[in-house]
């Protein structure tokens, strides 16, 4: 079965973390019962990094109807669990000083076929017991790409996107626990498969607190995330090249961020200045931060006839222009100073 390959691949990736952070301690304590309609608690006895107790907690959890529903297994009859105990990662996730855990497992044979999917359960340690918080789908887009976590250090989850077929190099990633979810805060810049046209797809912007800032939203949404901001209406209105085609052209300004604002109070990203902002841009080629250099970005762009580098207007540096998606006329203009350090990103919309 294909899942056997993923089992040994993941063990190879995470094996050192098992010895660094996970000592097996036997436990004879049985888990407490969990009501069928209570999805949030799965308990097992805890003694340090007690792997046996954690496995007991998972055994209780996988009988919980709410957990099964979350995994899409509520009506599934043909599947099996494959627990990966040597891949358990221990460390403080919620900054309370106690040791929490990421518990890896796969689900095999949905619908009676040869399918599999890979997940982590987030267990928090509360009052020396394991408390279920959430589950994380560790598939990383492509069916053969997976998020494999290696360690938790200073509340940061370090790991990599690994290729189950071992055809691509591992791509370092960093996650944090925010609320009850694991949030990807960093993915190393990397080359991606290129079709007829190379592009840079921006998925979201993260602020210094790792709160997601969408590229398009309502004025009310942006005000909820970023505060009131400042709305301006330039005296000289652009003839074209705007995101919204109706009414007066207006802008919504925040420190380091500008959005175009429509008459019906919708807004769309226009530009970003990186310096001292803590802002990050999540793209299909990895995370762009204020530390990203011209050389780093140039090295992950391959098809030169789809993007270009030009001198900035003031002669101080250079800029990269790259399409926003495979079929778009719009493009990202990413500006760098004379030392190759990133300065800003602007959405260019041609007339």
C-alpha atoms as a PDB file:
ATOM      1  CA  UNK A   1       0.000   0.000   0.000  1.00  0.00           C
ATOM      2  CA  UNK A   2       1.202   3.494  -0.851  1.00  0.00           C
ATOM      3  CA  UNK A   3       0.707   4.591   2.757  1.00  0.00           C
ATOM      4  CA  UNK A   4       3.544   2.321   3.869  1.00  0.00           C
ATOM      5  CA  UNK A   5       5.892   4.494   1.844  1.00  0.00           C
ATOM      6  CA  UNK A   6       4.623   7.658   3.445  1.00  0.00           C
ATOM      7  CA  UNK A   7       4.981   6.036   6.874  1.00  0.00           C
ATOM      8  CA  UNK A   8       8.685   5.361   6.420  1.00  0.00           C
ATOM      9  CA  UNK A   9       9.313   8.647   4.620  1.00  0.00           C
ATOM     10  CA  UNK A  10       7.791  10.569   7.529  1.00  0.00           C
ATOM     11  CA  UNK A  11       9.714   8.544  10.077  1.00  0.00           C
ATOM     12  CA  UNK A  12      12.958   9.354   8.288  1.00  0.00           C
ATOM     13  CA  UNK A  13      12.113  13.060   8.292  1.00  0.00           C
ATOM     14  CA  UNK A  14      11.010  13.208  11.934  1.00  0.00           C
ATOM     15  CA  UNK A  15      13.091  10.460  13.586  1.00  0.00           C
ATOM     16  CA  UNK A  16      15.631  12.779  15.197  1.00  0.00           C
ATOM     17  CA  UNK A  17      12.807  14.825  16.732  1.00  0.00           C
ATOM     18  CA  UNK A  18      11.532  11.709  18.480  1.00  0.00           C
ATOM     19  CA  UNK A  19      14.817  11.244  20.342  1.00  0.00           C
ATOM     20  CA  UNK A  20      15.222  14.963  20.973  1.00  0.00           C
ATOM     21  CA  UNK A  21      11.768  15.566  22.371  1.00  0.00           C
ATOM     22  CA  UNK A  22       9.932  12.326  22.984  1.00  0.00           C
ATOM     23  CA  UNK A  23      10.945   9.728  25.572  1.00  0.00           C
ATOM     24  CA  UNK A  24       8.600   6.760  25.786  1.00  0.00           C
ATOM     25  CA  UNK A  25       7.199   6.266  29.290  1.00  0.00           C
ATOM     26  CA  UNK A  26       4.790   3.446  29.984  1.00  0.00           C
ATOM     27  CA  UNK A  27       1.474   4.175  31.673  1.00  0.00           C
ATOM     28  CA  UNK A  28      -1.150   1.856  33.107  1.00  0.00           C
ATOM     29  CA  UNK A  29      -3.704   4.609  33.655  1.00  0.00           C
ATOM     30  CA  UNK A  30      -6.806   4.265  31.535  1.00  0.00           C
ATOM     31  CA  UNK A  31      -8.284   7.323  29.759  1.00  0.00           C
ATOM     32  CA  UNK A  32     -11.414   8.865  31.161  1.00  0.00           C
ATOM     33  CA  UNK A  33     -14.631   8.466  29.221  1.00  0.00           C
ATOM     34  CA  UNK A  34     -15.629  11.270  26.874  1.00  0.00           C
ATOM     35  CA  UNK A  35     -19.257  11.968  26.078  1.00  0.00           C
ATOM     36  CA  UNK A  36     -20.145  11.354  22.445  1.00  0.00           C
ATOM     37  CA  UNK A  37     -21.371  14.923  22.014  1.00  0.00           C
ATOM     38  CA  UNK A  38     -18.271  16.532  23.589  1.00  0.00           C
ATOM     39  CA  UNK A  39     -15.690  17.029  20.827  1.00  0.00           C
ATOM     40  CA  UNK A  40     -13.080  19.076  22.641  1.00  0.00           C
ATOM     41  CA  UNK A  41     -11.600  16.807  25.297  1.00  0.00           C
ATOM     42  CA  UNK A  42      -9.594  13.591  24.900  1.00  0.00           C
ATOM     43  CA  UNK A  43      -7.731  12.728  28.072  1.00  0.00           C
ATOM     44  CA  UNK A  44      -4.932  10.384  29.003  1.00  0.00           C
ATOM     45  CA  UNK A  45      -2.594  10.207  32.015  1.00  0.00           C
ATOM     46  CA  UNK A  46       0.469  12.409  31.634  1.00  0.00           C
ATOM     47  CA  UNK A  47       3.928  11.799  33.013  1.00  0.00           C
ATOM     48  CA  UNK A  48       6.427  14.015  31.238  1.00  0.00           C
ATOM     49  CA  UNK A  49       6.446  13.214  27.535  1.00  0.00           C
ATOM     50  CA  UNK A  50       4.269  10.145  28.057  1.00  0.00           C
ATOM     51  CA  UNK A  51       3.754   8.654  24.633  1.00  0.00           C
ATOM     52  CA  UNK A  52       1.619   5.800  25.900  1.00  0.00           C
ATOM     53  CA  UNK A  53      -0.816   8.195  27.558  1.00  0.00           C
ATOM     54  CA  UNK A  54      -0.993  10.300  24.405  1.00  0.00           C
ATOM     55  CA  UNK A  55      -1.832   7.238  22.321  1.00  0.00           C
ATOM     56  CA  UNK A  56      -4.585   6.437  24.825  1.00  0.00           C
ATOM     57  CA  UNK A  57      -5.947   9.948  24.428  1.00  0.00           C
ATOM     58  CA  UNK A  58      -6.022   9.494  20.654  1.00  0.00           C
ATOM     59  CA  UNK A  59      -7.814   6.151  21.021  1.00  0.00           C
ATOM     60  CA  UNK A  60     -10.569   7.958  22.935  1.00  0.00           C
ATOM     61  CA  UNK A  61     -10.669  10.816  20.440  1.00  0.00           C
ATOM     62  CA  UNK A  62     -11.074   8.667  17.349  1.00  0.00           C
ATOM     63  CA  UNK A  63     -14.351   7.313  18.728  1.00  0.00           C
ATOM     64  CA  UNK A  64     -15.753  10.826  19.079  1.00  0.00           C
ATOM     65  CA  UNK A  65     -18.522  11.577  16.518  1.00  0.00           C
ATOM     66  CA  UNK A  66     -17.574  15.252  16.231  1.00  0.00           C
ATOM     67  CA  UNK A  67     -13.941  14.386  15.488  1.00  0.00           C
ATOM     68  CA  UNK A  68     -15.008  11.822  12.889  1.00  0.00           C
ATOM     69  CA  UNK A  69     -17.281  14.390  11.269  1.00  0.00           C
ATOM     70  CA  UNK A  70     -14.430  16.923  11.146  1.00  0.00           C
ATOM     71  CA  UNK A  71     -12.352  14.374   9.223  1.00  0.00           C
ATOM     72  CA  UNK A  72     -15.237  13.487   6.909  1.00  0.00           C
ATOM     73  CA  UNK A  73     -15.504   9.989   8.396  1.00  0.00           C
ATOM     74  CA  UNK A  74     -18.952  10.170  10.020  1.00  0.00           C
ATOM     75  CA  UNK A  75     -20.518   7.843   7.440  1.00  0.00           C
ATOM     76  CA  UNK A  76     -17.362   6.058   6.319  1.00  0.00           C
ATOM     77  CA  UNK A  77     -17.260   2.289   6.844  1.00  0.00           C
ATOM     78  CA  UNK A  78     -14.106   1.309   4.957  1.00  0.00           C
ATOM     79  CA  UNK A  79     -11.036   2.949   6.452  1.00  0.00           C
ATOM     80  CA  UNK A  80      -8.274   2.330   8.978  1.00  0.00           C
ATOM     81  CA  UNK A  81      -6.074   4.469  11.229  1.00  0.00           C
ATOM     82  CA  UNK A  82      -2.289   4.419  10.982  1.00  0.00           C
ATOM     83  CA  UNK A  83      -0.674   6.056  14.021  1.00  0.00           C
ATOM     84  CA  UNK A  84       2.918   7.383  13.726  1.00  0.00           C
ATOM     85  CA  UNK A  85       4.103   7.444  17.373  1.00  0.00           C
ATOM     86  CA  UNK A  86       7.762   8.069  16.538  1.00  0.00           C
ATOM     87  CA  UNK A  87       6.739  11.255  14.763  1.00  0.00           C
ATOM     88  CA  UNK A  88       5.067  12.854  17.809  1.00  0.00           C
ATOM     89  CA  UNK A  89       6.431  16.357  18.415  1.00  0.00           C
ATOM     90  CA  UNK A  90       6.457  17.759  21.963  1.00  0.00           C
ATOM     91  CA  UNK A  91       6.811  21.398  23.006  1.00  0.00           C
ATOM     92  CA  UNK A  92       4.964  24.446  24.315  1.00  0.00           C
ATOM     93  CA  UNK A  93       2.441  25.614  21.707  1.00  0.00           C
ATOM     94  CA  UNK A  94       0.253  28.027  23.680  1.00  0.00           C
ATOM     95  CA  UNK A  95       2.894  29.845  25.780  1.00  0.00           C
ATOM     96  CA  UNK A  96       1.628  28.515  29.097  1.00  0.00           C
ATOM     97  CA  UNK A  97       4.920  26.817  30.018  1.00  0.00           C
ATOM     98  CA  UNK A  98       3.589  23.265  29.704  1.00  0.00           C
ATOM     99  CA  UNK A  99       4.528  20.687  27.101  1.00  0.00           C
ATOM    100  CA  UNK A 100       1.966  20.145  24.343  1.00  0.00           C
ATOM    101  CA  UNK A 101       2.007  17.696  21.444  1.00  0.00           C
ATOM    102  CA  UNK A 102       1.463  17.304  17.710  1.00  0.00           C
ATOM    103  CA  UNK A 103       0.263  13.760  17.120  1.00  0.00           C
ATOM    104  CA  UNK A 104       0.641  12.435  13.529  1.00  0.00           C
ATOM    105  CA  UNK A 105      -1.615   9.849  11.915  1.00  0.00           C
ATOM    106  CA  UNK A 106      -2.873   8.786   8.507  1.00  0.00           C
ATOM    107  CA  UNK A 107      -6.289   7.604   7.370  1.00  0.00           C
ATOM    108  CA  UNK A 108      -6.193   4.796   4.817  1.00  0.00           C
ATOM    109  CA  UNK A 109      -8.709   3.257   2.451  1.00  0.00           C
ATOM    110  CA  UNK A 110     -11.580   5.731   2.402  1.00  0.00           C
ATOM    111  CA  UNK A 111     -14.399   4.216   0.358  1.00  0.00           C
ATOM    112  CA  UNK A 112     -12.605   0.895   0.269  1.00  0.00           C
ATOM    113  CA  UNK A 113      -9.900   2.140  -2.105  1.00  0.00           C
ATOM    114  CA  UNK A 114      -6.167   2.672  -1.770  1.00  0.00           C
ATOM    115  CA  UNK A 115      -6.375   6.312  -0.681  1.00  0.00           C
ATOM    116  CA  UNK A 116      -4.636   7.899   2.294  1.00  0.00           C
ATOM    117  CA  UNK A 117      -4.419  11.297   3.923  1.00  0.00           C
ATOM    118  CA  UNK A 118      -2.056  12.646   6.567  1.00  0.00           C
ATOM    119  CA  UNK A 119      -2.999  14.692   9.660  1.00  0.00           C
ATOM    120  CA  UNK A 120      -1.755  15.992  12.996  1.00  0.00           C
ATOM    121  CA  UNK A 121      -3.855  16.251  16.137  1.00  0.00           C
ATOM    122  CA  UNK A 122      -3.050  19.254  18.333  1.00  0.00           C
ATOM    123  CA  UNK A 123      -3.087  18.146  21.987  1.00  0.00           C
ATOM    124  CA  UNK A 124      -2.606  20.712  24.763  1.00  0.00           C
ATOM    125  CA  UNK A 125      -1.494  19.756  28.262  1.00  0.00           C
ATOM    126  CA  UNK A 126      -3.995  21.091  30.781  1.00  0.00           C
ATOM    127  CA  UNK A 127      -3.897  20.078  34.451  1.00  0.00           C
ATOM    128  CA  UNK A 128      -1.530  17.219  33.552  1.00  0.00           C
ATOM    129  CA  UNK A 129      -4.025  15.802  31.064  1.00  0.00           C
ATOM    130  CA  UNK A 130      -4.166  15.816  27.265  1.00  0.00           C
ATOM    131  CA  UNK A 131      -6.835  18.115  25.846  1.00  0.00           C
ATOM    132  CA  UNK A 132      -7.774  17.886  22.185  1.00  0.00           C
ATOM    133  CA  UNK A 133      -7.746  21.280  20.457  1.00  0.00           C
ATOM    134  CA  UNK A 134      -7.931  20.672  16.698  1.00  0.00           C
ATOM    135  CA  UNK A 135      -6.678  18.608  13.809  1.00  0.00           C
ATOM    136  CA  UNK A 136      -4.441  19.789  10.968  1.00  0.00           C
ATOM    137  CA  UNK A 137      -4.630  18.417   7.428  1.00  0.00           C
ATOM    138  CA  UNK A 138      -0.943  17.983   6.547  1.00  0.00           C
ATOM    139  CA  UNK A 139      -1.371  17.557   2.795  1.00  0.00           C
ATOM    140  CA  UNK A 140       0.507  20.465   1.148  1.00  0.00           C
ATOM    141  CA  UNK A 141      -1.457  20.919  -2.066  1.00  0.00           C
ATOM    142  CA  UNK A 142       0.076  18.347  -4.394  1.00  0.00           C
ATOM    143  CA  UNK A 143      -0.961  14.751  -3.485  1.00  0.00           C
ATOM    144  CA  UNK A 144       2.693  13.801  -2.892  1.00  0.00           C
ATOM    145  CA  UNK A 145       3.633  16.922  -0.874  1.00  0.00           C
ATOM    146  CA  UNK A 146       3.234  16.871   2.896  1.00  0.00           C
ATOM    147  CA  UNK A 147       3.905  19.096   5.887  1.00  0.00           C
ATOM    148  CA  UNK A 148       6.298  17.163   8.145  1.00  0.00           C
ATOM    149  CA  UNK A 149       6.990  18.881  11.476  1.00  0.00           C
ATOM    150  CA  UNK A 150      10.354  18.393  13.207  1.00  0.00           C
ATOM    151  CA  UNK A 151      10.342  20.396  16.448  1.00  0.00           C
ATOM    152  CA  UNK A 152       8.555  22.974  18.580  1.00  0.00           C
ATOM    153  CA  UNK A 153      10.906  25.661  19.853  1.00  0.00           C
ATOM    154  CA  UNK A 154       9.906  28.979  21.448  1.00  0.00           C
ATOM    155  CA  UNK A 155       6.305  28.142  20.480  1.00  0.00           C
ATOM    156  CA  UNK A 156       7.314  27.953  16.806  1.00  0.00           C
ATOM    157  CA  UNK A 157       6.688  24.750  14.864  1.00  0.00           C
ATOM    158  CA  UNK A 158       9.596  24.056  12.525  1.00  0.00           C
ATOM    159  CA  UNK A 159       9.382  21.577   9.699  1.00  0.00           C
ATOM    160  CA  UNK A 160       9.360  21.181   5.937  1.00  0.00           C
ATOM    161  CA  UNK A 161       7.218  20.401   2.943  1.00  0.00           C
ATOM    162  CA  UNK A 162       8.470  16.962   1.919  1.00  0.00           C
ATOM    163  CA  UNK A 163       7.928  15.026  -1.305  1.00  0.00           C
ATOM    164  CA  UNK A 164       6.619  11.519  -0.736  1.00  0.00           C
ATOM    165  CA  UNK A 165       8.187  10.508  -4.057  1.00  0.00           C
ATOM    166  CA  UNK A 166      11.523  12.076  -3.005  1.00  0.00           C
ATOM    167  CA  UNK A 167      11.766  13.935  -6.335  1.00  0.00           C
ATOM    168  CA  UNK A 168      11.892  17.459  -4.873  1.00  0.00           C
ATOM    169  CA  UNK A 169      14.021  18.997  -2.145  1.00  0.00           C
ATOM    170  CA  UNK A 170      12.461  19.675   1.243  1.00  0.00           C
ATOM    171  CA  UNK A 171      11.100  23.220   1.650  1.00  0.00           C
ATOM    172  CA  UNK A 172      11.500  24.667   5.186  1.00  0.00           C
ATOM    173  CA  UNK A 173       8.321  25.970   6.842  1.00  0.00           C
ATOM    174  CA  UNK A 174       7.334  27.560  10.148  1.00  0.00           C
ATOM    175  CA  UNK A 175       3.910  27.355  11.796  1.00  0.00           C
ATOM    176  CA  UNK A 176       2.426  28.761  14.989  1.00  0.00           C
ATOM    177  CA  UNK A 177      -0.680  27.949  16.986  1.00  0.00           C
ATOM    178  CA  UNK A 178      -3.105  30.859  16.714  1.00  0.00           C
ATOM    179  CA  UNK A 179      -6.438  30.356  18.413  1.00  0.00           C
ATOM    180  CA  UNK A 180      -7.157  26.718  17.733  1.00  0.00           C
ATOM    181  CA  UNK A 181      -5.501  26.572  14.313  1.00  0.00           C
ATOM    182  CA  UNK A 182      -1.973  25.968  13.034  1.00  0.00           C
ATOM    183  CA  UNK A 183      -1.013  28.959  10.881  1.00  0.00           C
ATOM    184  CA  UNK A 184       1.735  28.853   8.256  1.00  0.00           C
ATOM    185  CA  UNK A 185       3.855  31.957   8.953  1.00  0.00           C
ATOM    186  CA  UNK A 186       6.815  31.147   6.708  1.00  0.00           C
ATOM    187  CA  UNK A 187       7.584  28.992   3.681  1.00  0.00           C
ATOM    188  CA  UNK A 188      11.046  29.233   2.124  1.00  0.00           C
ATOM    189  CA  UNK A 189      11.151  30.666  -1.383  1.00  0.00           C
ATOM    190  CA  UNK A 190      11.312  27.835  -3.900  1.00  0.00           C
ATOM    191  CA  UNK A 191      10.797  27.080  -7.562  1.00  0.00           C
ATOM    192  CA  UNK A 192       7.458  25.723  -8.671  1.00  0.00           C
ATOM    193  CA  UNK A 193       6.287  23.850 -11.730  1.00  0.00           C
ATOM    194  CA  UNK A 194       5.811  26.294 -14.619  1.00  0.00           C
ATOM    195  CA  UNK A 195       3.318  25.835 -17.418  1.00  0.00           C
ATOM    196  CA  UNK A 196       2.986  28.106 -20.406  1.00  0.00           C
ATOM    197  CA  UNK A 197       3.446  31.201 -18.277  1.00  0.00           C
ATOM    198  CA  UNK A 198       5.208  31.889 -14.993  1.00  0.00           C
ATOM    199  CA  UNK A 199       3.349  33.935 -12.382  1.00  0.00           C
ATOM    200  CA  UNK A 200       3.430  34.921  -8.715  1.00  0.00           C
ATOM    201  CA  UNK A 201       0.153  34.156  -6.961  1.00  0.00           C
ATOM    202  CA  UNK A 202      -0.352  36.075  -3.709  1.00  0.00           C
ATOM    203  CA  UNK A 203      -2.582  34.154  -1.313  1.00  0.00           C
ATOM    204  CA  UNK A 204      -2.683  36.516   1.664  1.00  0.00           C
ATOM    205  CA  UNK A 205      -0.808  39.132   3.651  1.00  0.00           C
ATOM    206  CA  UNK A 206       0.137  38.499   7.294  1.00  0.00           C
ATOM    207  CA  UNK A 207       0.739  41.353   9.712  1.00  0.00           C
ATOM    208  CA  UNK A 208       3.326  41.380  12.526  1.00  0.00           C
ATOM    209  CA  UNK A 209       0.880  39.448  14.746  1.00  0.00           C
ATOM    210  CA  UNK A 210       0.323  36.840  12.013  1.00  0.00           C
ATOM    211  CA  UNK A 211      -3.234  37.993  11.427  1.00  0.00           C
ATOM    212  CA  UNK A 212      -4.391  37.377   7.861  1.00  0.00           C
ATOM    213  CA  UNK A 213      -5.109  40.471   5.754  1.00  0.00           C
ATOM    214  CA  UNK A 214      -7.084  39.524   2.614  1.00  0.00           C
ATOM    215  CA  UNK A 215      -6.352  41.084  -0.764  1.00  0.00           C
ATOM    216  CA  UNK A 216     -10.003  42.059  -1.220  1.00  0.00           C
ATOM    217  CA  UNK A 217     -12.629  42.667   1.450  1.00  0.00           C
ATOM    218  CA  UNK A 218     -15.197  45.187   2.590  1.00  0.00           C
ATOM    219  CA  UNK A 219     -14.230  48.455   4.231  1.00  0.00           C
ATOM    220  CA  UNK A 220     -15.765  47.150   7.452  1.00  0.00           C
ATOM    221  CA  UNK A 221     -13.612  43.997   7.310  1.00  0.00           C
ATOM    222  CA  UNK A 222     -10.395  45.987   6.915  1.00  0.00           C
ATOM    223  CA  UNK A 223     -11.396  48.355   9.705  1.00  0.00           C
ATOM    224  CA  UNK A 224     -12.010  45.387  11.984  1.00  0.00           C
ATOM    225  CA  UNK A 225      -8.531  43.987  11.271  1.00  0.00           C
ATOM    226  CA  UNK A 226      -6.469  47.161  10.907  1.00  0.00           C
ATOM    227  CA  UNK A 227      -8.438  49.982  12.536  1.00  0.00           C
ATOM    228  CA  UNK A 228     -10.215  52.968  11.052  1.00  0.00           C
ATOM    229  CA  UNK A 229      -7.507  54.031   8.593  1.00  0.00           C
ATOM    230  CA  UNK A 230      -7.636  57.193   6.493  1.00  0.00           C
ATOM    231  CA  UNK A 231      -9.783  57.587   3.379  1.00  0.00           C
ATOM    232  CA  UNK A 232      -8.521  59.981   0.709  1.00  0.00           C
ATOM    233  CA  UNK A 233      -9.828  61.086  -2.680  1.00  0.00           C
ATOM    234  CA  UNK A 234      -7.091  62.350  -5.028  1.00  0.00           C
ATOM    235  CA  UNK A 235      -7.891  65.588  -6.837  1.00  0.00           C
ATOM    236  CA  UNK A 236      -6.615  64.145 -10.107  1.00  0.00           C
ATOM    237  CA  UNK A 237      -8.656  61.048 -10.873  1.00  0.00           C
ATOM    238  CA  UNK A 238      -6.995  58.242 -12.907  1.00  0.00           C
ATOM    239  CA  UNK A 239      -8.506  57.604 -16.312  1.00  0.00           C
ATOM    240  CA  UNK A 240      -7.920  53.818 -16.114  1.00  0.00           C
ATOM    241  CA  UNK A 241      -5.812  51.158 -14.466  1.00  0.00           C
ATOM    242  CA  UNK A 242      -7.975  50.818 -11.355  1.00  0.00           C
ATOM    243  CA  UNK A 243      -9.424  47.742  -9.668  1.00  0.00           C
ATOM    244  CA  UNK A 244     -12.961  49.163  -9.440  1.00  0.00           C
ATOM    245  CA  UNK A 245     -14.430  50.721 -12.571  1.00  0.00           C
ATOM    246  CA  UNK A 246     -17.279  52.706 -11.045  1.00  0.00           C
ATOM    247  CA  UNK A 247     -17.531  56.060  -9.294  1.00  0.00           C
ATOM    248  CA  UNK A 248     -14.793  58.191  -7.794  1.00  0.00           C
ATOM    249  CA  UNK A 249     -11.341  56.740  -7.186  1.00  0.00           C
ATOM    250  CA  UNK A 250     -10.560  56.673  -3.456  1.00  0.00           C
ATOM    251  CA  UNK A 251      -7.830  55.155  -1.296  1.00  0.00           C
ATOM    252  CA  UNK A 252      -7.839  53.595   2.167  1.00  0.00           C
ATOM    253  CA  UNK A 253      -4.515  54.286   3.907  1.00  0.00           C
ATOM    254  CA  UNK A 254      -2.823  52.478   6.794  1.00  0.00           C
ATOM    255  CA  UNK A 255       0.833  52.595   7.864  1.00  0.00           C
ATOM    256  CA  UNK A 256       2.663  50.587   5.170  1.00  0.00           C
ATOM    257  CA  UNK A 257      -0.561  49.565   3.356  1.00  0.00           C
ATOM    258  CA  UNK A 258      -2.833  51.217   0.778  1.00  0.00           C
ATOM    259  CA  UNK A 259      -6.120  49.831  -0.596  1.00  0.00           C
ATOM    260  CA  UNK A 260      -8.340  51.090  -3.395  1.00  0.00           C
ATOM    261  CA  UNK A 261     -11.855  51.803  -2.139  1.00  0.00           C
ATOM    262  CA  UNK A 262     -15.046  51.516  -4.205  1.00  0.00           C
ATOM    263  CA  UNK A 263     -18.289  53.503  -3.890  1.00  0.00           C
ATOM    264  CA  UNK A 264     -20.089  50.553  -2.307  1.00  0.00           C
ATOM    265  CA  UNK A 265     -17.419  50.220   0.379  1.00  0.00           C
ATOM    266  CA  UNK A 266     -15.477  47.337  -1.075  1.00  0.00           C
ATOM    267  CA  UNK A 267     -11.683  47.531  -1.048  1.00  0.00           C
ATOM    268  CA  UNK A 268      -8.753  45.890  -2.820  1.00  0.00           C
ATOM    269  CA  UNK A 269      -5.013  45.784  -2.157  1.00  0.00           C
ATOM    270  CA  UNK A 270      -2.982  48.417  -3.956  1.00  0.00           C
ATOM    271  CA  UNK A 271       0.489  48.676  -2.379  1.00  0.00           C
ATOM    272  CA  UNK A 272       2.668  47.717   0.566  1.00  0.00           C
ATOM    273  CA  UNK A 273       5.870  49.187   2.021  1.00  0.00           C
ATOM    274  CA  UNK A 274       7.962  46.639   3.906  1.00  0.00           C
ATOM    275  CA  UNK A 275      10.310  48.729   6.072  1.00  0.00           C
ATOM    276  CA  UNK A 276       9.691  48.171   9.813  1.00  0.00           C
ATOM    277  CA  UNK A 277       6.232  46.764   9.058  1.00  0.00           C
ATOM    278  CA  UNK A 278       6.532  43.104  10.041  1.00  0.00           C
ATOM    279  CA  UNK A 279       4.318  42.381   7.038  1.00  0.00           C
ATOM    280  CA  UNK A 280       4.705  39.148   5.069  1.00  0.00           C
ATOM    281  CA  UNK A 281       3.240  38.073   1.741  1.00  0.00           C
ATOM    282  CA  UNK A 282       2.309  34.416   1.265  1.00  0.00           C
ATOM    283  CA  UNK A 283       2.709  33.320  -2.350  1.00  0.00           C
ATOM    284  CA  UNK A 284       2.757  30.138  -4.395  1.00  0.00           C
ATOM    285  CA  UNK A 285       6.564  30.394  -4.375  1.00  0.00           C
ATOM    286  CA  UNK A 286       6.954  30.948  -0.631  1.00  0.00           C
ATOM    287  CA  UNK A 287       6.934  33.841   1.821  1.00  0.00           C
ATOM    288  CA  UNK A 288       8.171  37.312   0.891  1.00  0.00           C
ATOM    289  CA  UNK A 289       9.283  39.412   3.886  1.00  0.00           C
ATOM    290  CA  UNK A 290      11.221  42.624   4.487  1.00  0.00           C
ATOM    291  CA  UNK A 291      14.368  40.453   4.470  1.00  0.00           C
ATOM    292  CA  UNK A 292      13.777  39.091   0.962  1.00  0.00           C
ATOM    293  CA  UNK A 293      16.437  40.131  -1.540  1.00  0.00           C
ATOM    294  CA  UNK A 294      16.401  40.657  -5.285  1.00  0.00           C
ATOM    295  CA  UNK A 295      18.755  37.694  -5.740  1.00  0.00           C
ATOM    296  CA  UNK A 296      16.529  35.338  -3.730  1.00  0.00           C
ATOM    297  CA  UNK A 297      13.412  36.211  -5.705  1.00  0.00           C
ATOM    298  CA  UNK A 298      15.220  36.149  -9.026  1.00  0.00           C
ATOM    299  CA  UNK A 299      16.525  32.641  -8.255  1.00  0.00           C
ATOM    300  CA  UNK A 300      13.008  31.163  -7.934  1.00  0.00           C
ATOM    301  CA  UNK A 301      11.696  32.726 -11.155  1.00  0.00           C
ATOM    302  CA  UNK A 302      12.604  30.568 -14.120  1.00  0.00           C
ATOM    303  CA  UNK A 303      10.792  31.512 -17.320  1.00  0.00           C
ATOM    304  CA  UNK A 304      12.399  34.871 -18.103  1.00  0.00           C
ATOM    305  CA  UNK A 305      10.122  35.708 -21.027  1.00  0.00           C
ATOM    306  CA  UNK A 306       7.204  35.989 -18.557  1.00  0.00           C
ATOM    307  CA  UNK A 307       8.810  38.463 -16.129  1.00  0.00           C
ATOM    308  CA  UNK A 308      11.439  41.162 -16.286  1.00  0.00           C
ATOM    309  CA  UNK A 309      13.771  43.318 -14.200  1.00  0.00           C
ATOM    310  CA  UNK A 310      13.955  47.064 -14.787  1.00  0.00           C
ATOM    311  CA  UNK A 311      15.690  50.040 -13.211  1.00  0.00           C
ATOM    312  CA  UNK A 312      13.584  52.049 -10.787  1.00  0.00           C
ATOM    313  CA  UNK A 313      12.537  55.495 -11.939  1.00  0.00           C
ATOM    314  CA  UNK A 314      14.757  57.265  -9.405  1.00  0.00           C
ATOM    315  CA  UNK A 315      17.760  55.167 -10.392  1.00  0.00           C
ATOM    316  CA  UNK A 316      18.185  53.919  -6.847  1.00  0.00           C
ATOM    317  CA  UNK A 317      17.463  50.260  -7.445  1.00  0.00           C
ATOM    318  CA  UNK A 318      15.596  47.727  -9.550  1.00  0.00           C
ATOM    319  CA  UNK A 319      12.141  46.219  -9.736  1.00  0.00           C
ATOM    320  CA  UNK A 320      10.752  42.836 -10.787  1.00  0.00           C
ATOM    321  CA  UNK A 321       7.464  42.740 -12.693  1.00  0.00           C
ATOM    322  CA  UNK A 322       5.636  39.398 -12.767  1.00  0.00           C
ATOM    323  CA  UNK A 323       2.033  38.393 -13.668  1.00  0.00           C
ATOM    324  CA  UNK A 324      -0.450  37.784 -10.846  1.00  0.00           C
ATOM    325  CA  UNK A 325      -1.660  34.518 -12.394  1.00  0.00           C
ATOM    326  CA  UNK A 326      -1.190  32.439 -15.506  1.00  0.00           C
ATOM    327  CA  UNK A 327      -3.757  34.322 -17.607  1.00  0.00           C
ATOM    328  CA  UNK A 328      -3.609  37.807 -16.050  1.00  0.00           C
ATOM    329  CA  UNK A 329      -2.712  41.129 -17.600  1.00  0.00           C
ATOM    330  CA  UNK A 330      -2.264  42.491 -14.062  1.00  0.00           C
ATOM    331  CA  UNK A 331       1.155  42.196 -12.465  1.00  0.00           C
ATOM    332  CA  UNK A 332       3.106  42.637  -9.240  1.00  0.00           C
ATOM    333  CA  UNK A 333       5.822  45.272  -9.319  1.00  0.00           C
ATOM    334  CA  UNK A 334       8.295  44.437  -6.542  1.00  0.00           C
ATOM    335  CA  UNK A 335      10.799  47.179  -5.881  1.00  0.00           C
ATOM    336  CA  UNK A 336      14.309  46.807  -4.403  1.00  0.00           C
ATOM    337  CA  UNK A 337      16.889  49.375  -3.310  1.00  0.00           C
ATOM    338  CA  UNK A 338      20.386  49.721  -4.777  1.00  0.00           C
ATOM    339  CA  UNK A 339      21.646  46.994  -2.409  1.00  0.00           C
ATOM    340  CA  UNK A 340      19.016  44.512  -3.575  1.00  0.00           C
ATOM    341  CA  UNK A 341      16.872  44.760  -0.420  1.00  0.00           C
ATOM    342  CA  UNK A 342      13.118  44.737  -0.864  1.00  0.00           C
ATOM    343  CA  UNK A 343      11.214  48.006  -0.469  1.00  0.00           C
ATOM    344  CA  UNK A 344       7.633  47.645  -1.700  1.00  0.00           C
ATOM    345  CA  UNK A 345       5.057  45.690  -3.686  1.00  0.00           C
ATOM    346  CA  UNK A 346       2.544  47.393  -5.981  1.00  0.00           C
ATOM    347  CA  UNK A 347      -0.364  45.862  -7.887  1.00  0.00           C
ATOM    348  CA  UNK A 348      -0.131  47.095 -11.483  1.00  0.00           C
ATOM    349  CA  UNK A 349      -3.383  47.118 -13.465  1.00  0.00           C
ATOM    350  CA  UNK A 350      -2.882  48.187 -17.098  1.00  0.00           C
ATOM    351  CA  UNK A 351      -5.347  50.379 -18.955  1.00  0.00           C
END
